[in-house]
Amino acid sequence: MDTLHTLITEEEIQSRIRSLAEEISKDYEGKDLHMVGVLKGAFMFLADLVRAMRIPTTIYFMQASSYGNRQSSSGEVMVRHDLVLADKHVLVVEDILDTGLTMNKIMDDLSLQTPSSLKLCALLDKTEGRKVQVPAQYVGFHIPNKFVIGYGMDYAEQYRDLPYIAYLEP
């Protein structure tokens, strides 16, 4: 049986999301913002972030993965989408920025579409394990190098439903 240890409470998450939404809304005031959520992990974060925004947004989704059923990145990144983002202000919304491999691939892929602007918002930033530097313009929390679950993030498709973020100990 796994032991869960709370890292970030539901209240802390929601408070930080309101702050991020205010900052993003201010930065994109008067612009059409196109938000791209990275499935599956970012779906809860994106939903709460969009509800807290005070500007209109258009929402898209894409899939990217380098984990599978593992607790560490395989290093092989798969990206799937059918997005058309030329001349649009794009904000990628991700659950966790870890090694940087997945996000680097995503940002390279999306930049080929020549958006007007392309920025990143990550709920969690785990810099300790970074292999590729990817700048995030908006970050919810900096966390230690632990495998985290909850609030949309999973381990073998389990724990996504937790309203808080925890780490596992076997």
N, C-alpha and C. Protein backbone atom coordinates (compact mmCIF):
# COMPACT_ATOMS: atom_id res chain seq x y z
N MET A 1 0.84 -1.19 0.00
CA MET A 1 0.00 0.00 0.00
C MET A 1 0.88 1.25 0.00
N ASP A 2 0.57 2.20 -0.86
CA ASP A 2 1.33 3.44 -0.94
C ASP A 2 0.94 4.38 0.20
N THR A 3 1.93 5.13 0.68
CA THR A 3 1.68 6.16 1.68
C THR A 3 1.77 7.51 0.99
N LEU A 4 0.72 8.33 1.16
CA LEU A 4 0.68 9.66 0.56
C LEU A 4 1.07 10.70 1.59
N HIS A 5 1.89 11.65 1.17
CA HIS A 5 2.29 12.77 2.02
C HIS A 5 1.89 14.05 1.30
N THR A 6 1.05 14.86 1.92
CA THR A 6 0.61 16.10 1.30
C THR A 6 1.78 17.06 1.13
N LEU A 7 1.93 17.57 -0.07
CA LEU A 7 2.98 18.54 -0.38
C LEU A 7 2.38 19.94 -0.50
N ILE A 8 1.23 20.04 -1.21
CA ILE A 8 0.55 21.32 -1.39
C ILE A 8 -0.94 21.08 -1.19
N THR A 9 -1.55 21.83 -0.29
CA THR A 9 -2.96 21.63 0.04
C THR A 9 -3.86 22.20 -1.05
N GLU A 10 -5.11 21.78 -1.02
CA GLU A 10 -6.11 22.29 -1.95
C GLU A 10 -6.24 23.80 -1.82
N GLU A 11 -6.24 24.31 -0.61
CA GLU A 11 -6.37 25.75 -0.38
C GLU A 11 -5.18 26.52 -0.96
N GLU A 12 -3.98 25.98 -0.79
CA GLU A 12 -2.79 26.63 -1.34
C GLU A 12 -2.84 26.66 -2.87
N ILE A 13 -3.28 25.56 -3.46
CA ILE A 13 -3.40 25.48 -4.92
C ILE A 13 -4.37 26.54 -5.43
N GLN A 14 -5.57 26.58 -4.83
CA GLN A 14 -6.59 27.51 -5.31
C GLN A 14 -6.17 28.97 -5.13
N SER A 15 -5.51 29.28 -4.04
CA SER A 15 -5.03 30.64 -3.80
C SER A 15 -4.00 31.05 -4.85
N ARG A 16 -3.07 30.15 -5.14
CA ARG A 16 -2.04 30.45 -6.13
C ARG A 16 -2.62 30.58 -7.52
N ILE A 17 -3.61 29.76 -7.84
CA ILE A 17 -4.26 29.84 -9.15
C ILE A 17 -4.93 31.19 -9.33
N ARG A 18 -5.58 31.70 -8.31
CA ARG A 18 -6.19 33.03 -8.40
C ARG A 18 -5.14 34.10 -8.68
N SER A 19 -3.98 33.99 -8.05
CA SER A 19 -2.88 34.94 -8.29
C SER A 19 -2.35 34.83 -9.72
N LEU A 20 -2.15 33.61 -10.17
CA LEU A 20 -1.67 33.40 -11.54
C LEU A 20 -2.68 33.93 -12.55
N ALA A 21 -3.95 33.66 -12.34
CA ALA A 21 -4.99 34.12 -13.26
C ALA A 21 -5.02 35.64 -13.34
N GLU A 22 -4.83 36.30 -12.23
CA GLU A 22 -4.81 37.76 -12.23
C GLU A 22 -3.60 38.28 -13.01
N GLU A 23 -2.45 37.68 -12.80
CA GLU A 23 -1.23 38.09 -13.51
C GLU A 23 -1.36 37.86 -15.01
N ILE A 24 -1.85 36.69 -15.39
CA ILE A 24 -2.02 36.37 -16.81
C ILE A 24 -3.06 37.28 -17.45
N SER A 25 -4.17 37.49 -16.77
CA SER A 25 -5.23 38.37 -17.28
C SER A 25 -4.69 39.77 -17.54
N LYS A 26 -3.88 40.27 -16.63
CA LYS A 26 -3.28 41.60 -16.78
C LYS A 26 -2.33 41.62 -17.98
N ASP A 27 -1.49 40.60 -18.11
CA ASP A 27 -0.50 40.55 -19.19
C ASP A 27 -1.15 40.42 -20.58
N TYR A 28 -2.32 39.80 -20.65
CA TYR A 28 -2.97 39.58 -21.95
C TYR A 28 -4.20 40.46 -22.15
N GLU A 29 -4.36 41.47 -21.34
CA GLU A 29 -5.49 42.39 -21.48
C GLU A 29 -5.53 42.94 -22.91
N GLY A 30 -6.70 42.86 -23.54
CA GLY A 30 -6.87 43.38 -24.89
C GLY A 30 -6.37 42.46 -25.99
N LYS A 31 -5.90 41.28 -25.64
CA LYS A 31 -5.42 40.31 -26.64
C LYS A 31 -6.31 39.07 -26.60
N ASP A 32 -6.38 38.37 -27.72
CA ASP A 32 -7.08 37.09 -27.76
C ASP A 32 -6.10 36.01 -27.28
N LEU A 33 -6.38 35.43 -26.12
CA LEU A 33 -5.49 34.42 -25.55
C LEU A 33 -5.98 33.02 -25.88
N HIS A 34 -5.07 32.22 -26.39
CA HIS A 34 -5.34 30.82 -26.75
C HIS A 34 -4.54 29.94 -25.80
N MET A 35 -5.24 29.23 -24.92
CA MET A 35 -4.60 28.40 -23.91
C MET A 35 -4.60 26.95 -24.37
N VAL A 36 -3.43 26.32 -24.30
CA VAL A 36 -3.27 24.93 -24.73
C VAL A 36 -2.93 24.10 -23.49
N GLY A 37 -3.87 23.26 -23.07
CA GLY A 37 -3.64 22.37 -21.94
C GLY A 37 -2.99 21.08 -22.40
N VAL A 38 -1.99 20.65 -21.64
CA VAL A 38 -1.29 19.41 -21.97
C VAL A 38 -1.96 18.27 -21.19
N LEU A 39 -2.56 17.35 -21.94
CA LEU A 39 -3.28 16.23 -21.33
C LEU A 39 -2.32 15.13 -20.93
N LYS A 40 -2.65 14.39 -19.92
CA LYS A 40 -3.85 14.46 -19.15
C LYS A 40 -3.67 15.28 -17.89
N GLY A 41 -2.44 15.41 -17.44
CA GLY A 41 -2.15 15.97 -16.13
C GLY A 41 -2.63 17.38 -15.86
N ALA A 42 -2.69 18.23 -16.88
CA ALA A 42 -3.00 19.65 -16.66
C ALA A 42 -4.50 19.96 -16.71
N PHE A 43 -5.35 18.98 -16.90
CA PHE A 43 -6.77 19.29 -17.12
C PHE A 43 -7.41 19.99 -15.93
N MET A 44 -7.11 19.61 -14.70
CA MET A 44 -7.70 20.27 -13.54
C MET A 44 -7.15 21.68 -13.38
N PHE A 45 -5.85 21.82 -13.52
CA PHE A 45 -5.21 23.12 -13.41
C PHE A 45 -5.76 24.07 -14.46
N LEU A 46 -5.85 23.63 -15.71
CA LEU A 46 -6.38 24.48 -16.78
C LEU A 46 -7.81 24.90 -16.48
N ALA A 47 -8.65 23.97 -16.06
CA ALA A 47 -10.05 24.29 -15.78
C ALA A 47 -10.17 25.35 -14.68
N ASP A 48 -9.43 25.16 -13.59
CA ASP A 48 -9.49 26.13 -12.49
C ASP A 48 -8.88 27.47 -12.90
N LEU A 49 -7.82 27.44 -13.67
CA LEU A 49 -7.17 28.66 -14.12
C LEU A 49 -8.09 29.47 -15.02
N VAL A 50 -8.73 28.81 -15.97
CA VAL A 50 -9.64 29.49 -16.89
C VAL A 50 -10.82 30.11 -16.13
N ARG A 51 -11.35 29.39 -15.16
CA ARG A 51 -12.48 29.93 -14.38
C ARG A 51 -12.09 31.15 -13.57
N ALA A 52 -10.81 31.26 -13.21
CA ALA A 52 -10.34 32.40 -12.41
C ALA A 52 -9.90 33.60 -13.28
N MET A 53 -9.80 33.41 -14.59
CA MET A 53 -9.36 34.48 -15.49
C MET A 53 -10.44 35.55 -15.58
N ARG A 54 -10.03 36.79 -15.84
CA ARG A 54 -10.99 37.87 -16.05
C ARG A 54 -10.98 38.38 -17.49
N ILE A 55 -10.35 37.61 -18.38
CA ILE A 55 -10.37 37.91 -19.82
C ILE A 55 -10.88 36.67 -20.55
N PRO A 56 -11.47 36.85 -21.73
CA PRO A 56 -11.92 35.68 -22.50
C PRO A 56 -10.73 34.89 -23.03
N THR A 57 -10.91 33.59 -23.12
CA THR A 57 -9.86 32.71 -23.64
C THR A 57 -10.47 31.68 -24.58
N THR A 58 -9.63 31.14 -25.43
CA THR A 58 -9.98 29.99 -26.26
C THR A 58 -9.14 28.83 -25.73
N ILE A 59 -9.75 27.67 -25.60
CA ILE A 59 -9.07 26.53 -24.98
C ILE A 59 -8.86 25.41 -25.99
N TYR A 60 -7.65 24.87 -25.97
CA TYR A 60 -7.28 23.72 -26.80
C TYR A 60 -6.60 22.69 -25.90
N PHE A 61 -6.47 21.48 -26.43
CA PHE A 61 -5.74 20.44 -25.72
C PHE A 61 -4.77 19.75 -26.67
N MET A 62 -3.72 19.22 -26.09
CA MET A 62 -2.77 18.40 -26.82
C MET A 62 -2.29 17.31 -25.88
N GLN A 63 -1.72 16.27 -26.42
CA GLN A 63 -1.17 15.19 -25.60
C GLN A 63 0.34 15.13 -25.77
N ALA A 64 1.00 14.91 -24.65
CA ALA A 64 2.44 14.71 -24.66
C ALA A 64 2.78 13.84 -23.47
N SER A 65 3.72 12.93 -23.67
CA SER A 65 4.08 12.04 -22.58
C SER A 65 5.50 11.54 -22.72
N SER A 66 6.13 11.38 -21.55
CA SER A 66 7.43 10.71 -21.52
C SER A 66 7.52 9.78 -20.31
N TYR A 67 6.39 9.56 -19.63
CA TYR A 67 6.40 8.75 -18.41
C TYR A 67 5.83 7.36 -18.59
N GLY A 68 4.66 7.23 -19.22
CA GLY A 68 3.98 5.93 -19.27
C GLY A 68 3.58 5.54 -17.86
N ASN A 69 3.88 4.31 -17.45
CA ASN A 69 3.55 3.84 -16.10
C ASN A 69 4.77 3.85 -15.20
N ARG A 70 5.66 4.81 -15.38
CA ARG A 70 6.90 4.89 -14.62
C ARG A 70 6.89 6.11 -13.72
N GLN A 71 7.81 6.16 -12.77
CA GLN A 71 7.95 7.32 -11.90
C GLN A 71 9.06 8.25 -12.37
N SER A 72 9.71 7.92 -13.47
CA SER A 72 10.71 8.81 -14.03
C SER A 72 10.54 8.85 -15.54
N SER A 73 11.00 9.93 -16.14
CA SER A 73 10.85 10.12 -17.57
C SER A 73 11.64 9.08 -18.35
N SER A 74 11.05 8.57 -19.42
CA SER A 74 11.75 7.62 -20.28
C SER A 74 12.74 8.33 -21.18
N GLY A 75 12.56 9.65 -21.34
CA GLY A 75 13.42 10.42 -22.23
C GLY A 75 12.89 10.48 -23.65
N GLU A 76 11.95 9.58 -23.98
CA GLU A 76 11.34 9.58 -25.31
C GLU A 76 10.00 10.31 -25.21
N VAL A 77 9.86 11.40 -25.97
CA VAL A 77 8.68 12.25 -25.87
C VAL A 77 7.79 12.05 -27.08
N MET A 78 6.52 11.81 -26.80
CA MET A 78 5.51 11.70 -27.87
C MET A 78 4.57 12.90 -27.75
N VAL A 79 4.35 13.62 -28.86
CA VAL A 79 3.46 14.78 -28.89
C VAL A 79 2.39 14.53 -29.94
N ARG A 80 1.11 14.78 -29.56
CA ARG A 80 -0.01 14.60 -30.49
C ARG A 80 -0.96 15.78 -30.37
N HIS A 81 -1.29 16.38 -31.52
CA HIS A 81 -2.28 17.45 -31.56
C HIS A 81 -2.64 17.74 -33.01
N ASP A 82 -3.71 18.52 -33.18
CA ASP A 82 -4.11 18.99 -34.50
C ASP A 82 -4.35 20.50 -34.43
N LEU A 83 -3.50 21.20 -33.73
CA LEU A 83 -3.67 22.62 -33.48
C LEU A 83 -3.20 23.47 -34.66
N VAL A 84 -3.88 24.60 -34.84
CA VAL A 84 -3.47 25.61 -35.82
C VAL A 84 -3.36 26.91 -35.05
N LEU A 85 -2.14 27.37 -34.82
CA LEU A 85 -1.91 28.49 -33.90
C LEU A 85 -1.17 29.67 -34.52
N ALA A 86 -1.07 29.72 -35.83
CA ALA A 86 -0.37 30.82 -36.49
C ALA A 86 -0.98 32.15 -36.11
N ASP A 87 -0.12 33.11 -35.79
CA ASP A 87 -0.52 34.49 -35.47
C ASP A 87 -1.41 34.62 -34.24
N LYS A 88 -1.36 33.65 -33.34
CA LYS A 88 -2.17 33.70 -32.12
C LYS A 88 -1.27 33.85 -30.90
N HIS A 89 -1.81 34.45 -29.84
CA HIS A 89 -1.10 34.53 -28.57
C HIS A 89 -1.41 33.23 -27.83
N VAL A 90 -0.39 32.42 -27.62
CA VAL A 90 -0.55 31.06 -27.09
C VAL A 90 0.11 30.95 -25.72
N LEU A 91 -0.65 30.39 -24.78
CA LEU A 91 -0.12 30.07 -23.46
C LEU A 91 -0.30 28.58 -23.23
N VAL A 92 0.81 27.87 -23.14
CA VAL A 92 0.78 26.43 -22.86
C VAL A 92 0.61 26.27 -21.35
N VAL A 93 -0.34 25.42 -20.95
CA VAL A 93 -0.61 25.18 -19.54
C VAL A 93 -0.25 23.74 -19.23
N GLU A 94 0.72 23.58 -18.32
CA GLU A 94 1.27 22.27 -18.00
C GLU A 94 1.17 22.02 -16.50
N ASP A 95 1.04 20.75 -16.12
CA ASP A 95 0.98 20.42 -14.70
C ASP A 95 2.33 20.55 -14.03
N ILE A 96 3.38 19.96 -14.64
CA ILE A 96 4.69 19.97 -13.99
C ILE A 96 5.81 20.09 -15.01
N LEU A 97 6.74 20.96 -14.72
CA LEU A 97 7.95 21.11 -15.51
C LEU A 97 9.03 20.37 -14.75
N ASP A 98 9.49 19.26 -15.32
CA ASP A 98 10.40 18.35 -14.62
C ASP A 98 11.75 18.33 -15.33
N THR A 99 12.02 17.33 -16.13
CA THR A 99 13.31 17.25 -16.82
C THR A 99 13.43 18.33 -17.89
N GLY A 100 12.30 18.79 -18.39
CA GLY A 100 12.28 19.78 -19.46
C GLY A 100 12.19 19.16 -20.84
N LEU A 101 12.40 17.84 -20.93
CA LEU A 101 12.41 17.17 -22.23
C LEU A 101 11.06 17.26 -22.93
N THR A 102 9.98 16.97 -22.20
CA THR A 102 8.65 17.01 -22.81
C THR A 102 8.29 18.43 -23.21
N MET A 103 8.49 19.38 -22.30
CA MET A 103 8.11 20.75 -22.60
C MET A 103 8.96 21.35 -23.70
N ASN A 104 10.22 21.01 -23.77
CA ASN A 104 11.08 21.48 -24.84
C ASN A 104 10.54 21.01 -26.19
N LYS A 105 10.14 19.75 -26.25
CA LYS A 105 9.57 19.19 -27.49
C LYS A 105 8.27 19.89 -27.84
N ILE A 106 7.42 20.13 -26.84
CA ILE A 106 6.14 20.82 -27.08
C ILE A 106 6.38 22.23 -27.60
N MET A 107 7.24 22.99 -26.93
CA MET A 107 7.48 24.38 -27.32
C MET A 107 8.12 24.45 -28.71
N ASP A 108 9.04 23.54 -29.02
CA ASP A 108 9.63 23.50 -30.37
C ASP A 108 8.56 23.21 -31.41
N ASP A 109 7.70 22.24 -31.11
CA ASP A 109 6.65 21.84 -32.03
C ASP A 109 5.68 23.00 -32.29
N LEU A 110 5.24 23.65 -31.21
CA LEU A 110 4.27 24.74 -31.36
C LEU A 110 4.88 25.98 -31.99
N SER A 111 6.16 26.23 -31.77
CA SER A 111 6.79 27.41 -32.36
C SER A 111 6.88 27.31 -33.88
N LEU A 112 6.87 26.09 -34.41
CA LEU A 112 6.88 25.90 -35.86
C LEU A 112 5.63 26.47 -36.52
N GLN A 113 4.59 26.67 -35.72
CA GLN A 113 3.34 27.21 -36.26
C GLN A 113 3.32 28.74 -36.30
N THR A 114 4.40 29.36 -35.92
CA THR A 114 4.58 30.82 -35.89
C THR A 114 3.46 31.57 -35.16
N PRO A 115 3.27 31.25 -33.88
CA PRO A 115 2.30 32.04 -33.11
C PRO A 115 2.84 33.46 -32.89
N SER A 116 1.95 34.40 -32.60
CA SER A 116 2.37 35.78 -32.28
C SER A 116 3.21 35.80 -31.03
N SER A 117 2.81 34.99 -30.04
CA SER A 117 3.60 34.82 -28.83
C SER A 117 3.37 33.41 -28.32
N LEU A 118 4.36 32.88 -27.63
CA LEU A 118 4.27 31.52 -27.09
C LEU A 118 4.91 31.53 -25.71
N LYS A 119 4.10 31.32 -24.68
CA LYS A 119 4.59 31.32 -23.30
C LYS A 119 4.12 30.06 -22.59
N LEU A 120 4.71 29.83 -21.42
CA LEU A 120 4.43 28.63 -20.64
C LEU A 120 3.98 28.99 -19.24
N CYS A 121 2.94 28.31 -18.79
CA CYS A 121 2.46 28.39 -17.42
C CYS A 121 2.49 26.97 -16.85
N ALA A 122 3.30 26.75 -15.81
CA ALA A 122 3.40 25.44 -15.18
C ALA A 122 2.95 25.55 -13.73
N LEU A 123 2.09 24.65 -13.31
CA LEU A 123 1.66 24.65 -11.92
C LEU A 123 2.85 24.35 -11.01
N LEU A 124 3.64 23.35 -11.40
CA LEU A 124 4.78 22.92 -10.59
C LEU A 124 6.07 23.01 -11.39
N ASP A 125 7.13 23.43 -10.72
CA ASP A 125 8.45 23.48 -11.34
C ASP A 125 9.42 22.72 -10.44
N LYS A 126 9.95 21.63 -10.98
CA LYS A 126 10.90 20.78 -10.26
C LYS A 126 12.26 20.95 -10.93
N THR A 127 13.03 21.95 -10.51
CA THR A 127 14.27 22.31 -11.19
C THR A 127 15.42 21.34 -10.95
N GLU A 128 15.37 20.62 -9.86
CA GLU A 128 16.49 19.75 -9.48
C GLU A 128 16.81 18.68 -10.52
N GLY A 129 15.80 18.15 -11.20
CA GLY A 129 16.03 17.10 -12.18
C GLY A 129 16.09 17.59 -13.61
N ARG A 130 16.23 18.90 -13.82
CA ARG A 130 16.17 19.49 -15.16
C ARG A 130 17.34 19.03 -16.03
N LYS A 131 17.00 18.56 -17.23
CA LYS A 131 18.01 18.16 -18.22
C LYS A 131 18.09 19.18 -19.35
N VAL A 132 16.96 19.84 -19.64
CA VAL A 132 16.87 20.85 -20.69
C VAL A 132 16.22 22.08 -20.08
N GLN A 133 16.84 23.24 -20.24
CA GLN A 133 16.28 24.47 -19.69
C GLN A 133 15.12 24.96 -20.56
N VAL A 134 13.96 25.10 -19.93
CA VAL A 134 12.77 25.61 -20.60
C VAL A 134 12.21 26.70 -19.69
N PRO A 135 12.20 27.94 -20.17
CA PRO A 135 11.69 29.00 -19.30
C PRO A 135 10.17 28.99 -19.18
N ALA A 136 9.69 29.06 -17.95
CA ALA A 136 8.26 29.19 -17.69
C ALA A 136 8.02 30.62 -17.23
N GLN A 137 7.13 31.31 -17.92
CA GLN A 137 6.85 32.69 -17.57
C GLN A 137 5.94 32.79 -16.34
N TYR A 138 5.16 31.74 -16.10
CA TYR A 138 4.25 31.70 -14.96
C TYR A 138 4.44 30.35 -14.25
N VAL A 139 4.73 30.39 -12.96
CA VAL A 139 4.95 29.16 -12.19
C VAL A 139 4.13 29.24 -10.91
N GLY A 140 3.41 28.15 -10.63
CA GLY A 140 2.63 28.08 -9.40
C GLY A 140 3.50 27.84 -8.19
N PHE A 141 4.25 26.75 -8.20
CA PHE A 141 5.05 26.35 -7.04
C PHE A 141 6.35 25.71 -7.51
N HIS A 142 7.44 25.98 -6.80
CA HIS A 142 8.70 25.27 -6.98
C HIS A 142 8.68 24.13 -5.95
N ILE A 143 8.98 22.92 -6.42
CA ILE A 143 8.89 21.76 -5.53
C ILE A 143 10.19 20.97 -5.52
N PRO A 144 10.39 20.15 -4.48
CA PRO A 144 11.58 19.29 -4.42
C PRO A 144 11.49 18.16 -5.44
N ASN A 145 12.58 17.47 -5.62
CA ASN A 145 12.66 16.39 -6.60
C ASN A 145 11.98 15.12 -6.07
N LYS A 146 10.66 15.15 -6.03
CA LYS A 146 9.86 14.01 -5.60
C LYS A 146 8.84 13.71 -6.69
N PHE A 147 8.43 12.46 -6.78
CA PHE A 147 7.38 12.07 -7.71
C PHE A 147 6.04 12.45 -7.09
N VAL A 148 5.33 13.38 -7.74
CA VAL A 148 4.08 13.90 -7.17
C VAL A 148 2.85 13.39 -7.92
N ILE A 149 1.76 13.34 -7.18
CA ILE A 149 0.48 12.89 -7.73
C ILE A 149 -0.62 13.77 -7.17
N GLY A 150 -1.79 13.65 -7.77
CA GLY A 150 -2.95 14.41 -7.32
C GLY A 150 -3.19 15.63 -8.18
N TYR A 151 -4.36 16.21 -8.05
CA TYR A 151 -4.76 17.40 -8.79
C TYR A 151 -4.48 17.24 -10.29
N GLY A 152 -4.90 16.08 -10.82
CA GLY A 152 -4.75 15.78 -12.24
C GLY A 152 -3.55 14.91 -12.58
N MET A 153 -2.56 14.87 -11.71
CA MET A 153 -1.35 14.08 -11.98
C MET A 153 -1.52 12.67 -11.42
N ASP A 154 -0.93 11.73 -12.11
CA ASP A 154 -1.20 10.33 -11.78
C ASP A 154 0.06 9.51 -11.58
N TYR A 155 -0.17 8.32 -11.06
CA TYR A 155 0.80 7.24 -11.11
C TYR A 155 0.01 6.06 -11.64
N ALA A 156 0.33 5.61 -12.85
CA ALA A 156 -0.37 4.51 -13.52
C ALA A 156 -1.88 4.75 -13.54
N GLU A 157 -2.26 5.99 -13.89
CA GLU A 157 -3.66 6.43 -14.02
C GLU A 157 -4.42 6.49 -12.70
N GLN A 158 -3.75 6.39 -11.58
CA GLN A 158 -4.38 6.50 -10.27
C GLN A 158 -4.05 7.86 -9.65
N TYR A 159 -4.88 8.30 -8.72
CA TYR A 159 -4.68 9.50 -7.89
C TYR A 159 -5.00 10.82 -8.56
N ARG A 160 -5.41 10.85 -9.82
CA ARG A 160 -5.72 12.12 -10.49
C ARG A 160 -6.81 12.90 -9.76
N ASP A 161 -7.70 12.20 -9.07
CA ASP A 161 -8.87 12.82 -8.46
C ASP A 161 -8.58 13.53 -7.14
N LEU A 162 -7.39 13.42 -6.60
CA LEU A 162 -7.08 14.10 -5.34
C LEU A 162 -7.14 15.61 -5.54
N PRO A 163 -7.74 16.36 -4.63
CA PRO A 163 -7.82 17.82 -4.77
C PRO A 163 -6.55 18.53 -4.30
N TYR A 164 -5.55 17.81 -3.87
CA TYR A 164 -4.29 18.35 -3.39
C TYR A 164 -3.15 17.62 -4.07
N ILE A 165 -1.92 18.07 -3.84
CA ILE A 165 -0.75 17.44 -4.45
C ILE A 165 0.03 16.74 -3.33
N ALA A 166 0.39 15.49 -3.61
CA ALA A 166 1.11 14.68 -2.61
C ALA A 166 2.26 13.97 -3.31
N TYR A 167 3.10 13.37 -2.48
CA TYR A 167 4.12 12.48 -3.02
C TYR A 167 3.94 11.11 -2.39
N LEU A 168 4.41 10.11 -3.12
CA LEU A 168 4.23 8.72 -2.73
C LEU A 168 5.46 8.15 -2.04
N GLU A 169 5.19 7.33 -1.04
CA GLU A 169 6.25 6.49 -0.47
C GLU A 169 5.71 5.07 -0.45
N PRO A 170 6.46 4.13 -1.02
CA PRO A 170 5.96 2.73 -1.05
C PRO A 170 5.84 2.14 0.35
